[in-house]
């Protein structure tokens, strides 16, 4: 059964919140996760690995180039579910 996109987005926000110890209510779908989480590209890769494991998907780098907000990230993951 395919997960719905709101659930995917909610899971991503929840995982990001837990992983980077940022209150969940501070994160919104259109946030730039680099700015909101205060992370660099290495930390973003760490988060992506966590998301790939969580959703059991593989996200090729070319699909993530230029992706900086949670909503777009959720769309890319959703497309692979």
PDB file of N, CA and C in Angstrom:
ATOM      1  N   UNK A   1       0.837  -1.197   0.000  1.00  0.00           N
ATOM      2  CA  UNK A   1       0.000   0.000   0.000  1.00  0.00           C
ATOM      3  C   UNK A   1       0.877   1.255   0.000  1.00  0.00           C
ATOM      4  N   UNK A   2       0.561   2.148  -0.865  1.00  0.00           N
ATOM      5  CA  UNK A   2       1.345   3.373  -0.984  1.00  0.00           C
ATOM      6  C   UNK A   2       0.993   4.347   0.145  1.00  0.00           C
ATOM      7  N   UNK A   3       2.015   4.876   0.760  1.00  0.00           N
ATOM      8  CA  UNK A   3       1.812   5.840   1.831  1.00  0.00           C
ATOM      9  C   UNK A   3       1.308   7.139   1.231  1.00  0.00           C
ATOM     10  N   UNK A   4       0.449   7.849   1.929  1.00  0.00           N
ATOM     11  CA  UNK A   4      -0.001   9.108   1.338  1.00  0.00           C
ATOM     12  C   UNK A   4       1.031  10.200   1.584  1.00  0.00           C
ATOM     13  N   UNK A   5       1.017  11.205   0.713  1.00  0.00           N
ATOM     14  CA  UNK A   5       2.092  12.201   0.738  1.00  0.00           C
ATOM     15  C   UNK A   5       2.122  13.013   2.030  1.00  0.00           C
ATOM     16  N   UNK A   6       0.981  13.213   2.667  1.00  0.00           N
ATOM     17  CA  UNK A   6       0.996  13.933   3.951  1.00  0.00           C
ATOM     18  C   UNK A   6       1.689  13.128   5.025  1.00  0.00           C
ATOM     19  N   UNK A   7       1.485  11.821   5.004  1.00  0.00           N
ATOM     20  CA  UNK A   7       2.137  10.941   5.976  1.00  0.00           C
ATOM     21  C   UNK A   7       3.638  10.926   5.705  1.00  0.00           C
ATOM     22  N   UNK A   8       4.021  10.859   4.438  1.00  0.00           N
ATOM     23  CA  UNK A   8       5.439  10.885   4.067  1.00  0.00           C
ATOM     24  C   UNK A   8       6.082  12.166   4.597  1.00  0.00           C
ATOM     25  N   UNK A   9       5.435  13.279   4.332  1.00  0.00           N
ATOM     26  CA  UNK A   9       5.944  14.581   4.771  1.00  0.00           C
ATOM     27  C   UNK A   9       6.045  14.639   6.293  1.00  0.00           C
ATOM     28  N   UNK A  10       5.012  14.170   6.972  1.00  0.00           N
ATOM     29  CA  UNK A  10       4.990  14.171   8.429  1.00  0.00           C
ATOM     30  C   UNK A  10       6.120  13.307   8.998  1.00  0.00           C
ATOM     31  N   UNK A  11       6.342  12.142   8.393  1.00  0.00           N
ATOM     32  CA  UNK A  11       7.437  11.265   8.827  1.00  0.00           C
ATOM     33  C   UNK A  11       8.786  11.963   8.656  1.00  0.00           C
ATOM     34  N   UNK A  12       8.973  12.630   7.529  1.00  0.00           N
ATOM     35  CA  UNK A  12      10.238  13.329   7.265  1.00  0.00           C
ATOM     36  C   UNK A  12      10.462  14.418   8.315  1.00  0.00           C
ATOM     37  N   UNK A  13       9.426  15.213   8.560  1.00  0.00           N
ATOM     38  CA  UNK A  13       9.547  16.284   9.560  1.00  0.00           C
ATOM     39  C   UNK A  13       9.835  15.704  10.945  1.00  0.00           C
ATOM     40  N   UNK A  14       9.177  14.619  11.269  1.00  0.00           N
ATOM     41  CA  UNK A  14       9.395  13.970  12.564  1.00  0.00           C
ATOM     42  C   UNK A  14      10.808  13.438  12.711  1.00  0.00           C
ATOM     43  N   UNK A  15      11.297  12.772  11.663  1.00  0.00           N
ATOM     44  CA  UNK A  15      12.657  12.228  11.700  1.00  0.00           C
ATOM     45  C   UNK A  15      13.698  13.341  11.777  1.00  0.00           C
ATOM     46  N   UNK A  16      13.495  14.394  10.994  1.00  0.00           N
ATOM     47  CA  UNK A  16      14.432  15.527  11.009  1.00  0.00           C
ATOM     48  C   UNK A  16      14.449  16.174  12.386  1.00  0.00           C
ATOM     49  N   UNK A  17      13.271  16.337  12.956  1.00  0.00           N
ATOM     50  CA  UNK A  17      13.132  16.945  14.275  1.00  0.00           C
ATOM     51  C   UNK A  17      13.888  16.134  15.330  1.00  0.00           C
ATOM     52  N   UNK A  18      13.690  14.829  15.320  1.00  0.00           N
ATOM     53  CA  UNK A  18      14.348  13.948  16.287  1.00  0.00           C
ATOM     54  C   UNK A  18      15.853  13.919  16.063  1.00  0.00           C
ATOM     55  N   UNK A  19      16.247  13.737  14.819  1.00  0.00           N
ATOM     56  CA  UNK A  19      17.655  13.588  14.478  1.00  0.00           C
ATOM     57  C   UNK A  19      18.474  14.830  14.827  1.00  0.00           C
ATOM     58  N   UNK A  20      17.910  16.008  14.574  1.00  0.00           N
ATOM     59  CA  UNK A  20      18.666  17.239  14.818  1.00  0.00           C
ATOM     60  C   UNK A  20      18.208  17.984  16.070  1.00  0.00           C
ATOM     61  N   UNK A  21      17.345  17.322  16.849  1.00  0.00           N
ATOM     62  CA  UNK A  21      16.875  17.881  18.124  1.00  0.00           C
ATOM     63  C   UNK A  21      16.310  19.294  17.972  1.00  0.00           C
ATOM     64  N   UNK A  22      15.431  19.422  16.980  1.00  0.00           N
ATOM     65  CA  UNK A  22      14.731  20.678  16.721  1.00  0.00           C
ATOM     66  C   UNK A  22      13.267  20.400  17.021  1.00  0.00           C
ATOM     67  N   UNK A  23      12.601  21.277  17.794  1.00  0.00           N
ATOM     68  CA  UNK A  23      11.185  21.027  18.085  1.00  0.00           C
ATOM     69  C   UNK A  23      10.371  20.864  16.801  1.00  0.00           C
ATOM     70  N   UNK A  24       9.568  19.811  16.755  1.00  0.00           N
ATOM     71  CA  UNK A  24       8.776  19.483  15.563  1.00  0.00           C
ATOM     72  C   UNK A  24       7.915  20.666  15.109  1.00  0.00           C
ATOM     73  N   UNK A  25       7.373  21.402  16.062  1.00  0.00           N
ATOM     74  CA  UNK A  25       6.485  22.524  15.706  1.00  0.00           C
ATOM     75  C   UNK A  25       7.230  23.686  15.039  1.00  0.00           C
ATOM     76  N   UNK A  26       8.544  23.661  15.083  1.00  0.00           N
ATOM     77  CA  UNK A  26       9.323  24.710  14.407  1.00  0.00           C
ATOM     78  C   UNK A  26       9.537  24.410  12.927  1.00  0.00           C
ATOM     79  N   UNK A  27       9.224  23.185  12.517  1.00  0.00           N
ATOM     80  CA  UNK A  27       9.465  22.783  11.136  1.00  0.00           C
ATOM     81  C   UNK A  27       8.182  22.836  10.315  1.00  0.00           C
ATOM     82  N   UNK A  28       8.266  23.465   9.137  1.00  0.00           N
ATOM     83  CA  UNK A  28       7.116  23.487   8.245  1.00  0.00           C
ATOM     84  C   UNK A  28       7.530  22.888   6.897  1.00  0.00           C
ATOM     85  N   UNK A  29       6.573  22.391   6.120  1.00  0.00           N
ATOM     86  CA  UNK A  29       6.896  21.716   4.856  1.00  0.00           C
ATOM     87  C   UNK A  29       7.740  22.540   3.890  1.00  0.00           C
ATOM     88  N   UNK A  30       7.564  23.854   3.899  1.00  0.00           N
ATOM     89  CA  UNK A  30       8.282  24.674   2.927  1.00  0.00           C
ATOM     90  C   UNK A  30       9.585  25.263   3.462  1.00  0.00           C
ATOM     91  N   UNK A  31       9.966  24.850   4.661  1.00  0.00           N
ATOM     92  CA  UNK A  31      11.240  25.321   5.227  1.00  0.00           C
ATOM     93  C   UNK A  31      12.420  24.822   4.405  1.00  0.00           C
ATOM     94  N   UNK A  32      13.423  25.673   4.309  1.00  0.00           N
ATOM     95  CA  UNK A  32      14.715  25.263   3.774  1.00  0.00           C
ATOM     96  C   UNK A  32      15.384  24.487   4.904  1.00  0.00           C
ATOM     97  N   UNK A  33      15.573  23.188   4.719  1.00  0.00           N
ATOM     98  CA  UNK A  33      16.069  22.415   5.857  1.00  0.00           C
ATOM     99  C   UNK A  33      17.502  22.750   6.252  1.00  0.00           C
ATOM    100  N   UNK A  34      18.308  23.257   5.336  1.00  0.00           N
ATOM    101  CA  UNK A  34      19.660  23.667   5.712  1.00  0.00           C
ATOM    102  C   UNK A  34      19.594  24.810   6.728  1.00  0.00           C
ATOM    103  N   UNK A  35      18.744  25.794   6.434  1.00  0.00           N
ATOM    104  CA  UNK A  35      18.620  26.959   7.321  1.00  0.00           C
ATOM    105  C   UNK A  35      17.887  26.618   8.618  1.00  0.00           C
ATOM    106  N   UNK A  36      16.735  25.959   8.488  1.00  0.00           N
ATOM    107  CA  UNK A  36      15.912  25.672   9.659  1.00  0.00           C
ATOM    108  C   UNK A  36      16.610  24.749  10.640  1.00  0.00           C
ATOM    109  N   UNK A  37      17.295  23.727  10.114  1.00  0.00           N
ATOM    110  CA  UNK A  37      17.968  22.771  10.991  1.00  0.00           C
ATOM    111  C   UNK A  37      19.386  23.223  11.320  1.00  0.00           C
ATOM    112  N   UNK A  38      19.873  24.222  10.596  1.00  0.00           N
ATOM    113  CA  UNK A  38      21.239  24.693  10.813  1.00  0.00           C
ATOM    114  C   UNK A  38      22.266  23.614  10.486  1.00  0.00           C
ATOM    115  N   UNK A  39      22.061  22.941   9.352  1.00  0.00           N
ATOM    116  CA  UNK A  39      22.946  21.828   9.000  1.00  0.00           C
ATOM    117  C   UNK A  39      23.766  22.120   7.743  1.00  0.00           C
ATOM    118  N   UNK A  40      24.819  21.328   7.581  1.00  0.00           N
ATOM    119  CA  UNK A  40      25.626  21.443   6.369  1.00  0.00           C
ATOM    120  C   UNK A  40      25.318  20.244   5.463  1.00  0.00           C
ATOM    121  N   UNK A  41      25.989  20.167   4.329  1.00  0.00           N
ATOM    122  CA  UNK A  41      25.655  19.123   3.360  1.00  0.00           C
ATOM    123  C   UNK A  41      25.965  17.716   3.877  1.00  0.00           C
ATOM    124  N   UNK A  42      26.983  17.590   4.718  1.00  0.00           N
ATOM    125  CA  UNK A  42      27.290  16.275   5.282  1.00  0.00           C
ATOM    126  C   UNK A  42      26.172  15.804   6.204  1.00  0.00           C
ATOM    127  N   UNK A  43      25.665  16.720   7.016  1.00  0.00           N
ATOM    128  CA  UNK A  43      24.553  16.382   7.908  1.00  0.00           C
ATOM    129  C   UNK A  43      23.282  16.082   7.106  1.00  0.00           C
ATOM    130  N   UNK A  44      23.108  16.785   5.998  1.00  0.00           N
ATOM    131  CA  UNK A  44      21.955  16.531   5.139  1.00  0.00           C
ATOM    132  C   UNK A  44      22.049  15.124   4.546  1.00  0.00           C
ATOM    133  N   UNK A  45      23.250  14.696   4.171  1.00  0.00           N
ATOM    134  CA  UNK A  45      23.449  13.339   3.653  1.00  0.00           C
ATOM    135  C   UNK A  45      23.117  12.304   4.718  1.00  0.00           C
ATOM    136  N   UNK A  46      23.490  12.608   5.946  1.00  0.00           N
ATOM    137  CA  UNK A  46      23.197  11.737   7.073  1.00  0.00           C
ATOM    138  C   UNK A  46      21.675  11.585   7.226  1.00  0.00           C
ATOM    139  N   UNK A  47      20.981  12.690   7.127  1.00  0.00           N
ATOM    140  CA  UNK A  47      19.515  12.682   7.212  1.00  0.00           C
ATOM    141  C   UNK A  47      18.922  11.877   6.052  1.00  0.00           C
ATOM    142  N   UNK A  48      19.452  12.079   4.848  1.00  0.00           N
ATOM    143  CA  UNK A  48      18.952  11.350   3.677  1.00  0.00           C
ATOM    144  C   UNK A  48      19.115   9.844   3.833  1.00  0.00           C
ATOM    145  N   UNK A  49      20.259   9.433   4.382  1.00  0.00           N
ATOM    146  CA  UNK A  49      20.490   8.008   4.629  1.00  0.00           C
ATOM    147  C   UNK A  49      19.440   7.473   5.590  1.00  0.00           C
ATOM    148  N   UNK A  50      19.156   8.234   6.625  1.00  0.00           N
ATOM    149  CA  UNK A  50      18.132   7.859   7.593  1.00  0.00           C
ATOM    150  C   UNK A  50      16.758   7.748   6.915  1.00  0.00           C
ATOM    151  N   UNK A  51      16.445   8.699   6.063  1.00  0.00           N
ATOM    152  CA  UNK A  51      15.159   8.684   5.354  1.00  0.00           C
ATOM    153  C   UNK A  51      15.069   7.504   4.377  1.00  0.00           C
ATOM    154  N   UNK A  52      16.176   7.232   3.678  1.00  0.00           N
ATOM    155  CA  UNK A  52      16.180   6.097   2.746  1.00  0.00           C
ATOM    156  C   UNK A  52      15.918   4.793   3.499  1.00  0.00           C
ATOM    157  N   UNK A  53      16.532   4.653   4.662  1.00  0.00           N
ATOM    158  CA  UNK A  53      16.320   3.454   5.474  1.00  0.00           C
ATOM    159  C   UNK A  53      14.886   3.383   5.987  1.00  0.00           C
ATOM    160  N   UNK A  54      14.386   4.502   6.437  1.00  0.00           N
ATOM    161  CA  UNK A  54      13.025   4.560   6.979  1.00  0.00           C
ATOM    162  C   UNK A  54      11.977   4.190   5.935  1.00  0.00           C
ATOM    163  N   UNK A  55      12.118   4.758   4.754  1.00  0.00           N
ATOM    164  CA  UNK A  55      11.126   4.536   3.695  1.00  0.00           C
ATOM    165  C   UNK A  55      11.481   3.354   2.789  1.00  0.00           C
ATOM    166  N   UNK A  56      12.681   2.782   3.008  1.00  0.00           N
ATOM    167  CA  UNK A  56      13.170   1.677   2.173  1.00  0.00           C
ATOM    168  C   UNK A  56      13.180   2.066   0.697  1.00  0.00           C
ATOM    169  N   UNK A  57      13.767   3.211   0.418  1.00  0.00           N
ATOM    170  CA  UNK A  57      13.915   3.674  -0.961  1.00  0.00           C
ATOM    171  C   UNK A  57      15.361   4.098  -1.169  1.00  0.00           C
ATOM    172  N   UNK A  58      15.749   4.210  -2.428  1.00  0.00           N
ATOM    173  CA  UNK A  58      17.066   4.738  -2.751  1.00  0.00           C
ATOM    174  C   UNK A  58      16.863   6.004  -3.567  1.00  0.00           C
ATOM    175  N   UNK A  59      17.474   7.073  -3.110  1.00  0.00           N
ATOM    176  CA  UNK A  59      17.328   8.361  -3.800  1.00  0.00           C
ATOM    177  C   UNK A  59      18.634   8.708  -4.497  1.00  0.00           C
ATOM    178  N   UNK A  60      18.644   8.663  -5.830  1.00  0.00           N
ATOM    179  CA  UNK A  60      19.866   9.031  -6.549  1.00  0.00           C
ATOM    180  C   UNK A  60      20.188  10.515  -6.341  1.00  0.00           C
ATOM    181  N   UNK A  61      21.458  10.805  -6.272  1.00  0.00           N
ATOM    182  CA  UNK A  61      21.908  12.181  -6.036  1.00  0.00           C
ATOM    183  C   UNK A  61      21.290  13.182  -7.008  1.00  0.00           C
ATOM    184  N   UNK A  62      21.204  12.793  -8.290  1.00  0.00           N
ATOM    185  CA  UNK A  62      20.686  13.745  -9.287  1.00  0.00           C
ATOM    186  C   UNK A  62      19.250  14.155  -8.991  1.00  0.00           C
ATOM    187  N   UNK A  63      18.502  13.303  -8.302  1.00  0.00           N
ATOM    188  CA  UNK A  63      17.117  13.659  -7.975  1.00  0.00           C
ATOM    189  C   UNK A  63      17.037  14.654  -6.829  1.00  0.00           C
ATOM    190  N   UNK A  64      18.114  14.755  -6.085  1.00  0.00           N
ATOM    191  CA  UNK A  64      18.088  15.614  -4.901  1.00  0.00           C
ATOM    192  C   UNK A  64      18.842  16.915  -5.099  1.00  0.00           C
ATOM    193  N   UNK A  65      19.476  17.069  -6.250  1.00  0.00           N
ATOM    194  CA  UNK A  65      20.221  18.306  -6.487  1.00  0.00           C
ATOM    195  C   UNK A  65      19.285  19.496  -6.457  1.00  0.00           C
ATOM    196  N   UNK A  66      19.640  20.481  -5.669  1.00  0.00           N
ATOM    197  CA  UNK A  66      18.835  21.684  -5.585  1.00  0.00           C
ATOM    198  C   UNK A  66      17.617  21.558  -4.675  1.00  0.00           C
ATOM    199  N   UNK A  67      17.393  20.375  -4.097  1.00  0.00           N
ATOM    200  CA  UNK A  67      16.265  20.207  -3.181  1.00  0.00           C
ATOM    201  C   UNK A  67      16.676  20.715  -1.807  1.00  0.00           C
ATOM    202  N   UNK A  68      15.952  21.719  -1.318  1.00  0.00           N
ATOM    203  CA  UNK A  68      16.311  22.273  -0.012  1.00  0.00           C
ATOM    204  C   UNK A  68      15.118  22.381   0.932  1.00  0.00           C
ATOM    205  N   UNK A  69      13.933  22.007   0.461  1.00  0.00           N
ATOM    206  CA  UNK A  69      12.778  22.111   1.368  1.00  0.00           C
ATOM    207  C   UNK A  69      12.154  20.732   1.586  1.00  0.00           C
ATOM    208  N   UNK A  70      11.504  20.587   2.718  1.00  0.00           N
ATOM    209  CA  UNK A  70      10.927  19.306   3.116  1.00  0.00           C
ATOM    210  C   UNK A  70       9.854  18.812   2.150  1.00  0.00           C
ATOM    211  N   UNK A  71       9.044  19.719   1.624  1.00  0.00           N
ATOM    212  CA  UNK A  71       7.947  19.316   0.733  1.00  0.00           C
ATOM    213  C   UNK A  71       8.481  18.646  -0.540  1.00  0.00           C
ATOM    214  N   UNK A  72       9.493  19.268  -1.155  1.00  0.00           N
ATOM    215  CA  UNK A  72      10.072  18.693  -2.376  1.00  0.00           C
ATOM    216  C   UNK A  72      10.737  17.353  -2.067  1.00  0.00           C
ATOM    217  N   UNK A  73      11.413  17.289  -0.936  1.00  0.00           N
ATOM    218  CA  UNK A  73      12.047  16.048  -0.509  1.00  0.00           C
ATOM    219  C   UNK A  73      10.984  14.954  -0.368  1.00  0.00           C
ATOM    220  N   UNK A  74       9.859  15.289   0.238  1.00  0.00           N
ATOM    221  CA  UNK A  74       8.757  14.329   0.407  1.00  0.00           C
ATOM    222  C   UNK A  74       8.225  13.875  -0.952  1.00  0.00           C
ATOM    223  N   UNK A  75       8.127  14.802  -1.897  1.00  0.00           N
ATOM    224  CA  UNK A  75       7.640  14.457  -3.237  1.00  0.00           C
ATOM    225  C   UNK A  75       8.579  13.469  -3.927  1.00  0.00           C
ATOM    226  N   UNK A  76       9.888  13.694  -3.772  1.00  0.00           N
ATOM    227  CA  UNK A  76      10.873  12.804  -4.393  1.00  0.00           C
ATOM    228  C   UNK A  76      10.801  11.410  -3.775  1.00  0.00           C
ATOM    229  N   UNK A  77      10.646  11.364  -2.462  1.00  0.00           N
ATOM    230  CA  UNK A  77      10.535  10.070  -1.774  1.00  0.00           C
ATOM    231  C   UNK A  77       9.226   9.398  -2.166  1.00  0.00           C
ATOM    232  N   UNK A  78       8.161  10.160  -2.167  1.00  0.00           N
ATOM    233  CA  UNK A  78       6.837   9.642  -2.501  1.00  0.00           C
ATOM    234  C   UNK A  78       6.827   8.989  -3.887  1.00  0.00           C
ATOM    235  N   UNK A  79       7.539   9.598  -4.812  1.00  0.00           N
ATOM    236  CA  UNK A  79       7.590   9.081  -6.184  1.00  0.00           C
ATOM    237  C   UNK A  79       8.251   7.703  -6.248  1.00  0.00           C
ATOM    238  N   UNK A  80       9.037   7.370  -5.246  1.00  0.00           N
ATOM    239  CA  UNK A  80       9.759   6.088  -5.231  1.00  0.00           C
ATOM    240  C   UNK A  80       9.051   5.022  -4.410  1.00  0.00           C
ATOM    241  N   UNK A  81       7.992   5.399  -3.706  1.00  0.00           N
ATOM    242  CA  UNK A  81       7.307   4.419  -2.850  1.00  0.00           C
ATOM    243  C   UNK A  81       6.396   3.503  -3.655  1.00  0.00           C
TER     244      UNK A  81
END
